Amino acid sequence: MPGWQGRWGNFKQWYDDRMDVLVVAGMIDRKLFSKILPLMKSKTVTNIYLVRRDFVAGEKITCFSPRGILQRNLVLAELYRVMAIVYVLVRYRPEVVIGIGLLLHGLYVNILGTVFGKKKILLLMGKNDLALTYPHRKRLQRILLRLAFLADFLGTRGTRSRRWLAEKGFAKEKIFIPHNVFDFGAFSPRSLIKKYDMIYVGLLSPYKRIDLLLEVVHKLVFEKHLGNAKLAIVGDGKSKGKLERQCTQLKLSRHVDFLQPGDASYVCDLLNQSRVFVMTSQGEGLPMAMIEAMSCGLPVVIFDDADIGDIVRNGENGFLIRPGDLDGFAEAVKMVLSDKDLYERLCGGALAIRNEGLHEYSLDQAQITWDKALTSCVD
């Protein structure tokens, strides 16, 4: 039996290994929890101080969010969040601060974390974080990259982004890939009647370039002779009205359904009522909606953007299209919809992601990845 000195030493080591973290984030609740669940379950993390526009409760979480008029006014809401970050840094003195996305959360974390001498982890969400979807904005890209590099560790969505950041000069050993926790049980094949040839799930925001997707549908209907082609667009956002008007202008009203977002079961049903998942974004990281669709057995036709090539393999589970090539995109969709043997082979390849990802996207693996990054950051 160890003496009291041994027991005290063990307790002190256990206590010293634990830490408090500050997380600054946005996004919808479901996506947020897929990212921070490993922190909530980690034996390394004691408390999570979360600064966010919308209040959320959870294990270990103390949430700081504006209420009332402070939440409704953008300027006041951001002022509140900056003050809340400073308050947490002064009052609770977390060992590590984490920003999810560079704009604005990562800027708050990197600048204020540097001022207060804290270790900083920045999760880059996609190409938009560094303005990489706008090749002519080189000066802005350099500024954002310099701000991103204030972090002690960078989390990115996949291998292509990791290589690019290393080539730009960030220490390779301080770049990690923290996959979202994904419940493959929530997205699985179901025997439902197919109502849609194509489906898109996600935000209706400009960088998602759904306007290009509507152009693709127009090509399929009026140039590729798929007169009954139908697309489901599942989501909401500031571009919705503009996209609905574009549908009318392109004479696609009967070919496109705009559907409201919903919970996992609702989205899973819609995916299983569709044949192909499509996305024409120009600013992605590694979209979880794509993985949800593949987990239901849907092949993917998508622009070869950011880290998507880590999952989608040409001719095996979908097709990667050169960004901006609408003719090539439409031709790939037509081929998938028209060739039964190809379609069945791609469906099988898409379903294989369930077996490949069970470990990689599990909570246990995510905890290992995060614990390693956190302990390396403070060492």
Protein backbone atom coordinates (compact mmCIF):
# COMPACT_ATOMS: atom_id res chain seq x y z
CA MET A 1 0.00 0.00 0.00
CA PRO A 2 1.45 3.43 -0.89
CA GLY A 3 2.03 5.86 1.95
CA TRP A 4 0.37 9.24 2.22
CA GLN A 5 3.25 10.80 0.32
CA GLY A 6 2.62 8.42 -2.60
CA ARG A 7 -1.12 9.08 -2.53
CA TRP A 8 -0.49 12.83 -2.38
CA GLY A 9 1.91 12.57 -5.30
CA ASN A 10 -0.65 10.66 -7.37
CA PHE A 11 -3.36 13.18 -6.52
CA LYS A 12 -1.08 16.11 -7.31
CA GLN A 13 -0.15 14.61 -10.69
CA TRP A 14 -3.85 14.01 -11.47
CA TYR A 15 -4.71 17.57 -10.43
CA ASP A 16 -1.82 19.12 -12.38
CA ASP A 17 -2.84 17.26 -15.53
CA ARG A 18 -6.33 18.78 -15.47
CA MET A 19 -7.12 22.16 -17.01
CA ASP A 20 -9.82 24.72 -17.69
CA VAL A 21 -10.44 25.86 -21.27
CA LEU A 22 -12.18 28.84 -22.83
CA VAL A 23 -14.04 28.15 -26.09
CA VAL A 24 -15.30 30.92 -28.37
CA ALA A 25 -17.68 29.60 -31.03
CA GLY A 26 -20.81 30.03 -33.08
CA MET A 27 -22.66 27.56 -35.41
CA ILE A 28 -25.80 25.53 -34.67
CA ASP A 29 -26.00 23.45 -31.50
CA ARG A 30 -25.65 20.07 -33.23
CA LYS A 31 -22.44 21.06 -35.02
CA LEU A 32 -21.02 22.73 -31.93
CA PHE A 33 -21.48 19.62 -29.79
CA SER A 34 -19.91 17.43 -32.49
CA LYS A 35 -16.76 19.53 -32.00
CA ILE A 36 -16.66 20.06 -28.23
CA LEU A 37 -18.05 16.71 -27.02
CA PRO A 38 -14.47 15.35 -26.71
CA LEU A 39 -13.68 18.25 -24.37
CA MET A 40 -16.84 17.60 -22.37
CA LYS A 41 -15.91 13.94 -21.89
CA SER A 42 -12.17 14.43 -21.51
CA LYS A 43 -10.55 13.53 -18.19
CA THR A 44 -8.01 16.28 -18.88
CA VAL A 45 -10.56 19.13 -19.04
CA THR A 46 -12.17 20.28 -15.80
CA ASN A 47 -14.30 23.25 -16.92
CA ILE A 48 -15.35 24.65 -20.28
CA TYR A 49 -16.12 28.36 -20.36
CA LEU A 50 -18.08 28.90 -23.57
CA VAL A 51 -18.61 32.35 -25.11
CA ARG A 52 -21.31 32.25 -27.78
CA ARG A 53 -24.13 34.33 -29.22
CA ASP A 54 -26.75 31.74 -28.21
CA PHE A 55 -26.98 30.10 -24.79
CA VAL A 56 -26.36 26.37 -24.54
CA ALA A 57 -26.10 24.04 -21.56
CA GLY A 58 -23.98 20.93 -21.24
CA GLU A 59 -21.61 18.89 -19.13
CA LYS A 60 -18.76 21.01 -17.72
CA ILE A 61 -20.04 24.06 -19.66
CA THR A 62 -20.49 27.52 -18.21
CA CYS A 63 -21.97 29.55 -21.05
CA PHE A 64 -21.65 33.31 -21.45
CA SER A 65 -24.11 34.66 -24.02
CA PRO A 66 -25.88 37.99 -24.52
CA ARG A 67 -29.56 38.26 -23.72
CA GLY A 68 -32.39 40.53 -24.82
CA ILE A 69 -31.38 43.65 -26.69
CA LEU A 70 -27.70 42.71 -26.35
CA GLN A 71 -28.33 39.60 -28.43
CA ARG A 72 -30.55 41.27 -31.02
CA ASN A 73 -28.07 44.04 -31.80
CA LEU A 74 -24.98 42.72 -33.63
CA VAL A 75 -22.61 45.42 -32.34
CA LEU A 76 -23.77 45.06 -28.74
CA ALA A 77 -23.62 41.26 -28.99
CA GLU A 78 -20.02 41.32 -30.16
CA LEU A 79 -19.07 43.89 -27.54
CA TYR A 80 -20.60 41.61 -24.90
CA ARG A 81 -18.62 38.64 -26.20
CA VAL A 82 -15.32 40.53 -26.10
CA MET A 83 -16.04 41.63 -22.54
CA ALA A 84 -17.05 38.09 -21.58
CA ILE A 85 -13.77 36.71 -22.95
CA VAL A 86 -11.78 39.25 -20.94
CA TYR A 87 -13.84 38.45 -17.84
CA VAL A 88 -13.20 34.70 -18.15
CA LEU A 89 -9.49 35.25 -18.77
CA VAL A 90 -9.18 37.45 -15.67
CA ARG A 91 -11.63 35.67 -13.35
CA TYR A 92 -11.12 31.99 -14.17
CA ARG A 93 -7.66 32.01 -15.78
CA PRO A 94 -8.13 29.08 -18.18
CA GLU A 95 -4.94 27.36 -19.30
CA VAL A 96 -5.98 27.12 -22.97
CA VAL A 97 -8.25 29.27 -25.14
CA ILE A 98 -9.86 27.75 -28.23
CA GLY A 99 -11.42 29.58 -31.17
CA ILE A 100 -13.64 27.72 -33.60
CA GLY A 101 -13.30 29.51 -36.92
CA LEU A 102 -10.96 32.44 -37.56
CA LEU A 103 -13.61 35.09 -38.16
CA LEU A 104 -14.49 36.38 -35.61
CA HIS A 105 -13.92 33.78 -32.92
CA GLY A 106 -10.32 32.99 -33.78
CA LEU A 107 -9.41 36.68 -33.90
CA TYR A 108 -10.82 37.22 -30.42
CA VAL A 109 -8.96 34.18 -29.08
CA ASN A 110 -5.64 34.86 -30.80
CA ILE A 111 -5.48 38.58 -30.00
CA LEU A 112 -6.86 38.50 -26.43
CA GLY A 113 -5.14 35.19 -25.67
CA THR A 114 -1.82 36.72 -26.73
CA VAL A 115 -2.42 39.84 -24.62
CA PHE A 116 -3.13 37.68 -21.54
CA GLY A 117 -0.30 35.22 -22.23
CA LYS A 118 -2.52 32.18 -22.80
CA LYS A 119 -1.93 29.11 -24.95
CA LYS A 120 -4.15 29.30 -28.01
CA ILE A 121 -5.73 26.69 -30.28
CA LEU A 122 -7.49 27.77 -33.46
CA LEU A 123 -9.75 25.47 -35.44
CA LEU A 124 -9.83 26.53 -39.09
CA MET A 125 -13.22 25.60 -40.50
CA GLY A 126 -12.46 25.86 -44.21
CA LYS A 127 -11.00 27.94 -47.01
CA ASN A 128 -13.26 30.89 -46.17
CA ASP A 129 -11.40 31.44 -42.90
CA LEU A 130 -8.34 32.63 -44.83
CA ALA A 131 -10.22 34.19 -47.76
CA LEU A 132 -8.82 31.45 -50.01
CA THR A 133 -12.01 31.37 -52.08
CA TYR A 134 -11.09 34.83 -53.37
CA PRO A 135 -7.74 34.38 -55.22
CA HIS A 136 -7.47 38.09 -56.03
CA ARG A 137 -7.41 39.08 -52.34
CA LYS A 138 -3.76 38.24 -51.74
CA ARG A 139 -3.17 41.02 -49.24
CA LEU A 140 -6.17 39.99 -47.15
CA GLN A 141 -5.00 36.37 -47.26
CA ARG A 142 -1.56 37.35 -45.94
CA ILE A 143 -3.11 39.36 -43.10
CA LEU A 144 -5.49 36.55 -42.09
CA LEU A 145 -2.73 33.96 -42.29
CA ARG A 146 -0.54 36.07 -40.03
CA LEU A 147 -3.39 36.41 -37.54
CA ALA A 148 -4.08 32.66 -37.69
CA PHE A 149 -0.42 31.94 -37.03
CA LEU A 150 -0.66 33.70 -33.66
CA ALA A 151 -2.13 30.41 -32.41
CA ASP A 152 0.09 27.87 -30.68
CA PHE A 153 -1.75 24.97 -32.33
CA LEU A 154 -3.89 24.86 -35.47
CA GLY A 155 -6.68 22.36 -35.99
CA THR A 156 -7.69 21.78 -39.59
CA ARG A 157 -10.23 19.65 -41.42
CA GLY A 158 -7.97 17.32 -43.37
CA THR A 159 -4.64 16.36 -44.91
CA ARG A 160 -4.62 18.85 -47.80
CA SER A 161 -5.11 21.80 -45.46
CA ARG A 162 -2.46 20.46 -43.11
CA ARG A 163 0.08 20.23 -45.94
CA TRP A 164 -0.77 23.73 -47.15
CA LEU A 165 -0.36 25.28 -43.69
CA ALA A 166 2.98 23.52 -43.24
CA GLU A 167 4.14 24.80 -46.63
CA LYS A 168 3.21 28.33 -45.51
CA GLY A 169 5.51 28.00 -42.53
CA PHE A 170 3.44 26.79 -39.56
CA ALA A 171 5.20 24.05 -37.57
CA LYS A 172 3.92 20.71 -38.90
CA GLU A 173 3.99 19.09 -35.46
CA LYS A 174 1.59 21.77 -34.19
CA ILE A 175 -1.10 21.08 -36.80
CA PHE A 176 -3.69 18.47 -35.89
CA ILE A 177 -6.91 17.15 -37.42
CA PRO A 178 -9.71 17.05 -34.81
CA HIS A 179 -12.54 15.22 -36.56
CA ASN A 180 -16.08 15.94 -35.45
CA VAL A 181 -17.72 13.22 -33.39
CA PHE A 182 -20.13 11.52 -35.76
CA ASP A 183 -22.93 9.10 -34.84
CA PHE A 184 -23.20 6.73 -37.77
CA GLY A 185 -26.24 5.18 -36.11
CA ALA A 186 -28.19 8.40 -36.65
CA PHE A 187 -27.58 8.33 -40.41
CA SER A 188 -28.14 4.92 -41.95
CA PRO A 189 -29.87 3.42 -45.01
CA ARG A 190 -33.67 3.23 -44.83
CA SER A 191 -36.09 1.66 -47.27
CA LEU A 192 -37.93 4.75 -48.46
CA ILE A 193 -39.34 5.71 -51.85
CA LYS A 194 -37.01 7.99 -53.80
CA LYS A 195 -38.61 11.42 -54.29
CA TYR A 196 -35.54 13.39 -55.33
CA ASP A 197 -32.75 12.78 -57.81
CA MET A 198 -30.42 15.18 -55.99
CA ILE A 199 -30.24 16.64 -52.51
CA TYR A 200 -28.26 19.43 -50.89
CA VAL A 201 -28.22 19.89 -47.10
CA GLY A 202 -26.65 22.94 -45.47
CA LEU A 203 -26.68 26.67 -45.04
CA LEU A 204 -28.11 28.89 -47.76
CA SER A 205 -25.14 31.25 -47.71
CA PRO A 206 -23.24 32.90 -50.58
CA TYR A 207 -20.07 30.82 -50.18
CA LYS A 208 -22.11 27.63 -50.60
CA ARG A 209 -22.68 28.74 -54.23
CA ILE A 210 -26.09 27.14 -54.51
CA ASP A 211 -26.63 29.50 -57.42
CA LEU A 212 -24.18 27.31 -59.34
CA LEU A 213 -26.10 24.20 -58.28
CA LEU A 214 -29.26 25.69 -59.76
CA GLU A 215 -27.34 26.32 -62.99
CA VAL A 216 -26.40 22.64 -62.98
CA VAL A 217 -30.05 21.63 -62.60
CA HIS A 218 -30.94 23.93 -65.48
CA LYS A 219 -28.34 22.16 -67.64
CA LEU A 220 -29.67 18.74 -66.65
CA VAL A 221 -33.25 19.67 -67.50
CA PHE A 222 -32.78 21.74 -70.65
CA GLU A 223 -29.46 20.52 -72.10
CA LYS A 224 -28.91 16.99 -70.76
CA HIS A 225 -32.53 15.92 -71.43
CA LEU A 226 -33.33 14.90 -67.84
CA GLY A 227 -36.69 16.63 -67.96
CA ASN A 228 -37.94 15.13 -64.70
CA ALA A 229 -34.84 15.84 -62.61
CA LYS A 230 -35.65 17.11 -59.13
CA LEU A 231 -33.49 18.67 -56.43
CA ALA A 232 -34.20 19.05 -52.71
CA ILE A 233 -32.48 21.99 -50.99
CA VAL A 234 -32.63 21.45 -47.23
CA GLY A 235 -31.62 24.42 -45.12
CA ASP A 236 -32.12 28.08 -44.41
CA GLY A 237 -30.10 31.25 -44.64
CA LYS A 238 -29.84 34.77 -45.98
CA SER A 239 -29.58 33.62 -49.62
CA LYS A 240 -32.92 31.81 -49.66
CA GLY A 241 -35.01 34.58 -51.23
CA LYS A 242 -32.44 35.24 -53.93
CA LEU A 243 -32.22 31.54 -54.74
CA GLU A 244 -36.00 31.21 -54.98
CA ARG A 245 -36.06 34.11 -57.44
CA GLN A 246 -33.30 32.46 -59.46
CA CYS A 247 -35.38 29.28 -59.64
CA THR A 248 -38.25 31.25 -61.11
CA GLN A 249 -35.99 32.97 -63.65
CA LEU A 250 -34.50 29.62 -64.72
CA LYS A 251 -37.96 28.00 -64.95
CA LEU A 252 -37.02 25.43 -62.33
CA SER A 253 -39.89 25.88 -59.89
CA ARG A 254 -41.19 22.36 -60.38
CA HIS A 255 -37.69 20.90 -60.33
CA VAL A 256 -36.50 22.35 -57.00
CA ASP A 257 -38.04 22.04 -53.53
CA PHE A 258 -36.82 24.32 -50.73
CA LEU A 259 -37.23 22.43 -47.46
CA GLN A 260 -36.73 23.61 -43.90
CA PRO A 261 -33.82 22.29 -41.80
CA GLY A 262 -34.57 19.81 -39.05
CA ASP A 263 -33.17 17.26 -36.65
CA ALA A 264 -31.04 14.25 -37.57
CA SER A 265 -33.97 11.88 -38.06
CA TYR A 266 -35.73 14.32 -40.39
CA VAL A 267 -32.58 14.88 -42.46
CA CYS A 268 -31.88 11.15 -42.56
CA ASP A 269 -35.34 10.50 -44.01
CA LEU A 270 -34.83 13.12 -46.71
CA LEU A 271 -31.42 11.70 -47.60
CA ASN A 272 -32.93 8.25 -47.94
CA GLN A 273 -35.61 9.68 -50.22
CA SER A 274 -32.87 10.99 -52.54
CA ARG A 275 -30.44 9.38 -54.95
CA VAL A 276 -27.36 11.63 -55.10
CA PHE A 277 -25.86 14.20 -52.74
CA VAL A 278 -24.63 17.33 -54.53
CA MET A 279 -22.65 20.36 -53.38
CA THR A 280 -21.07 23.23 -55.31
CA SER A 281 -19.47 25.09 -52.40
CA GLN A 282 -16.30 27.11 -52.90
CA GLY A 283 -15.09 27.51 -49.34
CA GLU A 284 -15.54 24.21 -47.55
CA GLY A 285 -13.41 22.30 -45.09
CA LEU A 286 -14.80 18.79 -44.79
CA PRO A 287 -18.62 19.08 -44.78
CA MET A 288 -20.39 16.80 -42.31
CA ALA A 289 -23.55 16.91 -44.46
CA MET A 290 -21.60 15.03 -47.11
CA ILE A 291 -20.56 12.34 -44.63
CA GLU A 292 -24.15 12.09 -43.38
CA ALA A 293 -25.31 11.48 -46.94
CA MET A 294 -22.64 8.86 -47.64
CA SER A 295 -23.50 7.12 -44.37
CA CYS A 296 -27.02 6.71 -45.80
CA GLY A 297 -25.56 5.20 -48.98
CA LEU A 298 -25.75 8.23 -51.29
CA PRO A 299 -23.01 8.75 -53.88
CA VAL A 300 -21.60 12.27 -53.98
CA VAL A 301 -20.97 14.69 -56.83
CA ILE A 302 -19.07 17.65 -55.45
CA PHE A 303 -16.44 20.26 -56.26
CA ASP A 304 -12.92 19.12 -55.36
CA ASP A 305 -12.57 21.76 -52.67
CA ALA A 306 -10.38 21.90 -49.54
CA ASP A 307 -10.19 18.50 -47.78
CA ILE A 308 -13.14 16.80 -49.49
CA GLY A 309 -10.74 14.50 -51.35
CA ASP A 310 -9.90 12.82 -48.03
CA ILE A 311 -13.32 11.16 -48.22
CA VAL A 312 -14.61 11.26 -51.81
CA ARG A 313 -12.77 9.04 -54.29
CA ASN A 314 -13.50 9.36 -57.99
CA GLY A 315 -15.43 6.42 -59.39
CA GLU A 316 -15.56 4.63 -56.03
CA ASN A 317 -18.07 6.57 -53.94
CA GLY A 318 -18.71 9.65 -56.05
CA PHE A 319 -17.09 12.18 -58.34
CA LEU A 320 -14.81 15.14 -57.62
CA ILE A 321 -15.34 17.97 -60.11
CA ARG A 322 -12.96 20.82 -60.83
CA PRO A 323 -14.42 23.91 -59.08
CA GLY A 324 -16.44 26.00 -61.53
CA ASP A 325 -16.84 23.24 -64.15
CA LEU A 326 -20.63 23.23 -64.38
CA ASP A 327 -20.73 21.17 -67.58
CA GLY A 328 -18.54 18.50 -66.01
CA PHE A 329 -20.67 18.58 -62.88
CA ALA A 330 -23.92 18.16 -64.82
CA GLU A 331 -22.43 15.37 -66.93
CA ALA A 332 -21.28 13.48 -63.80
CA VAL A 333 -24.73 13.76 -62.21
CA LYS A 334 -26.37 12.54 -65.41
CA MET A 335 -23.99 9.59 -65.60
CA VAL A 336 -24.66 8.57 -62.00
CA LEU A 337 -28.44 8.85 -62.44
CA SER A 338 -28.51 7.07 -65.81
CA ASP A 339 -26.10 4.15 -65.29
CA LYS A 340 -27.66 1.62 -62.92
CA ASP A 341 -24.52 -0.50 -62.50
CA LEU A 342 -22.39 2.57 -61.80
CA TYR A 343 -24.95 3.89 -59.36
CA GLU A 344 -25.07 0.66 -57.36
CA ARG A 345 -21.28 0.47 -57.25
CA LEU A 346 -21.04 4.06 -56.01
CA CYS A 347 -23.71 3.41 -53.38
CA GLY A 348 -21.67 0.50 -52.07
CA GLY A 349 -18.58 2.69 -51.99
CA ALA A 350 -20.45 5.42 -50.12
CA LEU A 351 -21.67 2.94 -47.50
CA ALA A 352 -18.09 1.80 -46.93
CA ILE A 353 -17.50 5.12 -45.18
CA ARG A 354 -19.50 3.71 -42.25
CA ASN A 355 -16.88 1.02 -41.60
CA GLU A 356 -13.93 3.28 -42.38
CA GLY A 357 -15.17 6.07 -40.14
CA LEU A 358 -16.45 4.16 -37.10
CA HIS A 359 -13.08 4.53 -35.38
CA GLU A 360 -11.83 7.75 -36.95
CA TYR A 361 -14.97 9.74 -36.06
CA SER A 362 -15.62 8.04 -32.72
CA LEU A 363 -15.71 9.89 -29.41
CA ASP A 364 -12.81 7.82 -28.09
CA GLN A 365 -10.54 8.75 -31.00
CA ALA A 366 -11.59 12.41 -30.82
CA GLN A 367 -10.74 12.47 -27.10
CA ILE A 368 -7.27 11.03 -27.79
CA THR A 369 -6.65 13.65 -30.50
CA TRP A 370 -7.80 16.53 -28.31
CA ASP A 371 -6.02 15.36 -25.15
CA LYS A 372 -2.77 15.08 -27.07
CA ALA A 373 -3.18 18.60 -28.51
CA LEU A 374 -4.10 20.12 -25.14
CA THR A 375 -1.25 18.53 -23.19
CA SER A 376 1.27 19.34 -25.98
CA CYS A 377 0.03 22.92 -26.02
CA VAL A 378 0.72 23.55 -22.33
CA ASP A 379 3.97 21.57 -22.10
